[in-house]
């Protein structure tokens, strides 16, 4: 696989790990200790915080803000201007008027599971986990965990449909059964949990 491609205007701290085949585009900033896997795209103006883990084959679009300690598994898509927060109770100053420092708060992270997608300008308010192959609609605000294969939308985000690994909405075939019309994968729903029961060949 090819060596990483890092544009001259990108700003990388010391101690960044970047896998083969990855691209870091214009004006992106990657902080020290970040781990970027193979074949990852970090778009123009994106920010990757200290110690953030990004798995293989992820796409982070322009001006997305991925604050530490976010953890992205393989194949995650982050749309333009998405924000992954890291402070549950944000303040610029302490009650006594002194400026907050890194020692005055503990960062909390967003976890994005394999294959999930976060739409443009969505905000994930840490600590939350977005499940495998789930989709967060553009402009949504995620304040609680998102199940695998869920399509969530709104402020706050709520499940409106199920989606398959293709990203397309599933079609219901029975009381609790669904199929992905693009792949043929079959699913079973129990409560608010959807399970892939048969992968199409």
Protein backbone atom coordinates (compact mmCIF):
# COMPACT_ATOMS: atom_id res chain seq x y z
CA UNK A 1 0.00 0.00 0.00
CA UNK A 2 1.14 3.58 -0.63
CA UNK A 3 2.79 5.80 1.94
CA UNK A 4 0.52 8.36 3.66
CA UNK A 5 -0.18 11.53 1.66
CA UNK A 6 0.13 14.64 3.84
CA UNK A 7 -0.48 18.02 2.21
CA UNK A 8 2.09 20.74 3.03
CA UNK A 9 -0.50 23.00 4.71
CA UNK A 10 -1.63 20.27 7.13
CA UNK A 11 -0.51 20.75 10.74
CA UNK A 12 0.68 17.55 12.43
CA UNK A 13 2.16 17.41 15.93
CA UNK A 14 4.99 15.07 16.84
CA UNK A 15 3.88 11.62 17.92
CA UNK A 16 1.11 11.14 15.35
CA UNK A 17 0.73 7.66 13.81
CA UNK A 18 -0.66 7.47 10.26
CA UNK A 19 -1.23 4.23 8.38
CA UNK A 20 -0.36 3.45 4.77
CA UNK A 21 -2.64 4.85 2.08
CA UNK A 22 -4.11 7.61 4.26
CA UNK A 23 -4.49 11.24 3.14
CA UNK A 24 -4.37 14.35 5.32
CA UNK A 25 -5.70 17.30 3.31
CA UNK A 26 -5.12 21.06 3.36
CA UNK A 27 -5.28 22.88 6.72
CA UNK A 28 -6.20 19.76 8.69
CA UNK A 29 -4.78 19.65 12.23
CA UNK A 30 -3.82 16.39 13.93
CA UNK A 31 -2.66 16.57 17.56
CA UNK A 32 0.03 14.51 19.24
CA UNK A 33 -0.74 10.92 20.12
CA UNK A 34 -3.51 10.56 17.53
CA UNK A 35 -3.62 7.18 15.80
CA UNK A 36 -4.89 7.15 12.23
CA UNK A 37 -5.27 3.79 10.52
CA UNK A 38 -4.76 2.72 6.92
CA UNK A 39 -6.61 4.20 3.95
CA UNK A 40 -8.15 7.04 6.00
CA UNK A 41 -9.16 10.40 4.51
CA UNK A 42 -8.96 13.48 6.75
CA UNK A 43 -10.55 16.37 4.86
CA UNK A 44 -9.68 20.05 4.57
CA UNK A 45 -9.73 21.92 7.86
CA UNK A 46 -10.64 18.90 9.98
CA UNK A 47 -9.39 18.70 13.56
CA UNK A 48 -8.24 15.44 15.20
CA UNK A 49 -7.58 15.74 18.95
CA UNK A 50 -4.77 14.33 21.06
CA UNK A 51 -4.88 10.56 21.42
CA UNK A 52 -7.93 10.09 19.18
CA UNK A 53 -8.06 6.62 17.61
CA UNK A 54 -9.27 6.33 14.01
CA UNK A 55 -9.57 2.86 12.50
CA UNK A 56 -8.87 1.77 8.94
CA UNK A 57 -10.91 2.97 5.95
CA UNK A 58 -12.56 5.91 7.72
CA UNK A 59 -13.60 9.13 5.97
CA UNK A 60 -13.57 12.40 7.93
CA UNK A 61 -14.96 15.17 5.77
CA UNK A 62 -14.07 18.88 5.67
CA UNK A 63 -14.10 20.90 8.90
CA UNK A 64 -15.19 18.03 11.14
CA UNK A 65 -14.06 18.40 14.77
CA UNK A 66 -13.07 15.13 16.43
CA UNK A 67 -12.15 15.93 20.03
CA UNK A 68 -10.27 13.57 22.30
CA UNK A 69 -10.80 10.92 23.55
CA UNK A 70 -13.01 9.90 20.59
CA UNK A 71 -12.63 6.33 19.37
CA UNK A 72 -13.56 5.40 15.79
CA UNK A 73 -13.66 1.80 14.67
CA UNK A 74 -13.06 0.74 11.06
CA UNK A 75 -15.09 2.12 8.18
CA UNK A 76 -16.65 5.12 9.96
CA UNK A 77 -17.95 8.07 7.93
CA UNK A 78 -18.00 11.57 9.45
CA UNK A 79 -19.69 14.22 7.32
CA UNK A 80 -18.70 17.85 6.84
CA UNK A 81 -18.66 20.06 9.97
CA UNK A 82 -19.63 17.23 12.34
CA UNK A 83 -18.68 17.83 16.00
CA UNK A 84 -17.77 15.10 18.49
CA UNK A 85 -17.73 16.85 21.88
CA UNK A 86 -15.73 15.90 24.98
CA UNK A 87 -16.94 18.03 27.92
CA UNK A 88 -20.21 17.17 29.69
CA UNK A 89 -20.25 20.34 31.82
CA UNK A 90 -18.36 22.97 29.80
CA UNK A 91 -17.16 26.20 31.38
CA UNK A 92 -14.41 28.67 30.42
CA UNK A 93 -13.82 29.65 34.05
CA UNK A 94 -14.08 28.16 37.53
CA UNK A 95 -16.58 29.53 40.09
CA UNK A 96 -13.81 31.72 41.54
CA UNK A 97 -13.29 33.40 38.17
CA UNK A 98 -10.00 31.69 37.33
CA UNK A 99 -9.55 30.22 33.87
CA UNK A 100 -10.19 26.50 33.59
CA UNK A 101 -7.11 24.42 32.80
CA UNK A 102 -6.68 20.87 31.58
CA UNK A 103 -6.54 19.78 35.25
CA UNK A 104 -10.00 21.20 36.06
CA UNK A 105 -12.03 18.75 33.96
CA UNK A 106 -11.92 15.22 32.61
CA UNK A 107 -12.55 14.69 28.89
CA UNK A 108 -15.20 12.14 27.94
CA UNK A 109 -15.39 10.64 24.49
CA UNK A 110 -17.67 9.63 21.65
CA UNK A 111 -17.36 6.05 20.38
CA UNK A 112 -18.29 5.31 16.78
CA UNK A 113 -18.66 1.62 15.95
CA UNK A 114 -17.79 -0.15 12.70
CA UNK A 115 -19.40 1.18 9.54
CA UNK A 116 -21.56 3.89 11.12
CA UNK A 117 -22.14 7.25 9.44
CA UNK A 118 -22.59 10.71 10.96
CA UNK A 119 -24.32 13.19 8.63
CA UNK A 120 -23.22 16.73 7.90
CA UNK A 121 -23.31 19.22 10.81
CA UNK A 122 -24.53 16.61 13.29
CA UNK A 123 -23.32 16.91 16.89
CA UNK A 124 -22.58 13.92 19.14
CA UNK A 125 -22.65 15.03 22.77
CA UNK A 126 -20.22 12.90 24.79
CA UNK A 127 -20.36 10.40 26.30
CA UNK A 128 -22.32 8.51 23.63
CA UNK A 129 -21.81 5.44 21.44
CA UNK A 130 -23.15 5.17 17.89
CA UNK A 131 -23.67 1.52 17.03
CA UNK A 132 -22.45 -0.59 14.14
CA UNK A 133 -23.74 0.47 10.71
CA UNK A 134 -26.05 3.07 12.28
CA UNK A 135 -26.73 6.40 10.57
CA UNK A 136 -27.11 9.81 12.20
CA UNK A 137 -29.05 12.16 9.91
CA UNK A 138 -27.58 15.52 8.96
CA UNK A 139 -28.09 18.26 11.55
CA UNK A 140 -29.06 15.88 14.36
CA UNK A 141 -27.95 16.20 17.98
CA UNK A 142 -27.13 12.82 19.54
CA UNK A 143 -27.53 12.82 23.33
CA UNK A 144 -27.94 9.09 24.00
CA UNK A 145 -26.50 5.86 22.62
CA UNK A 146 -27.63 4.82 19.14
CA UNK A 147 -28.36 1.10 18.53
CA UNK A 148 -26.72 -0.91 15.76
CA UNK A 149 -28.41 -0.36 12.36
CA UNK A 150 -30.57 2.53 13.65
CA UNK A 151 -31.33 5.63 11.59
CA UNK A 152 -31.72 8.53 14.02
CA UNK A 153 -32.72 12.11 13.27
CA UNK A 154 -33.74 15.30 15.04
CA UNK A 155 -32.91 17.34 18.12
CA UNK A 156 -32.52 15.32 20.22
CA UNK A 157 -31.98 12.45 17.81
CA UNK A 158 -34.52 9.61 17.87
CA UNK A 159 -34.77 6.41 15.87
CA UNK A 160 -37.02 6.79 12.84
CA UNK A 161 -36.06 3.70 10.81
CA UNK A 162 -33.59 0.85 10.54
CA UNK A 163 -30.79 0.82 7.95
CA UNK A 164 -28.62 -1.93 6.55
CA UNK A 165 -24.91 -2.13 5.89
CA UNK A 166 -25.65 -0.50 2.51
CA UNK A 167 -26.88 2.62 4.31
CA UNK A 168 -30.34 2.32 2.76
CA UNK A 169 -33.53 1.93 4.85
CA UNK A 170 -34.65 -1.64 5.48
CA UNK A 171 -37.93 -3.02 4.19
CA UNK A 172 -40.19 -4.80 6.65
CA UNK A 173 -41.03 -8.37 5.62
CA UNK A 174 -42.93 -9.53 8.73
CA UNK A 175 -43.91 -8.48 12.24
CA UNK A 176 -40.28 -8.33 13.39
CA UNK A 177 -38.29 -9.13 10.25
CA UNK A 178 -36.57 -6.86 7.75
CA UNK A 179 -34.49 -7.10 4.60
CA UNK A 180 -31.91 -4.79 3.06
CA UNK A 181 -33.22 -4.25 -0.49
CA UNK A 182 -29.71 -3.57 -1.80
CA UNK A 183 -27.78 -6.45 -0.26
CA UNK A 184 -30.44 -9.02 0.62
CA UNK A 185 -29.23 -9.16 4.25
CA UNK A 186 -31.98 -10.30 6.65
CA UNK A 187 -32.63 -8.90 10.12
CA UNK A 188 -34.71 -9.65 13.23
CA UNK A 189 -35.97 -7.02 15.68
CA UNK A 190 -36.41 -7.67 19.40
CA UNK A 191 -37.49 -4.57 21.30
CA UNK A 192 -35.11 -1.79 20.28
CA UNK A 193 -32.42 -4.21 19.12
CA UNK A 194 -31.94 -5.24 15.51
CA UNK A 195 -29.79 -8.28 14.71
CA UNK A 196 -28.35 -9.32 11.36
CA UNK A 197 -29.42 -12.95 11.11
CA UNK A 198 -28.45 -13.80 7.53
CA UNK A 199 -25.85 -12.20 5.29
CA UNK A 200 -26.66 -12.38 1.58
CA UNK A 201 -24.13 -14.23 -0.50
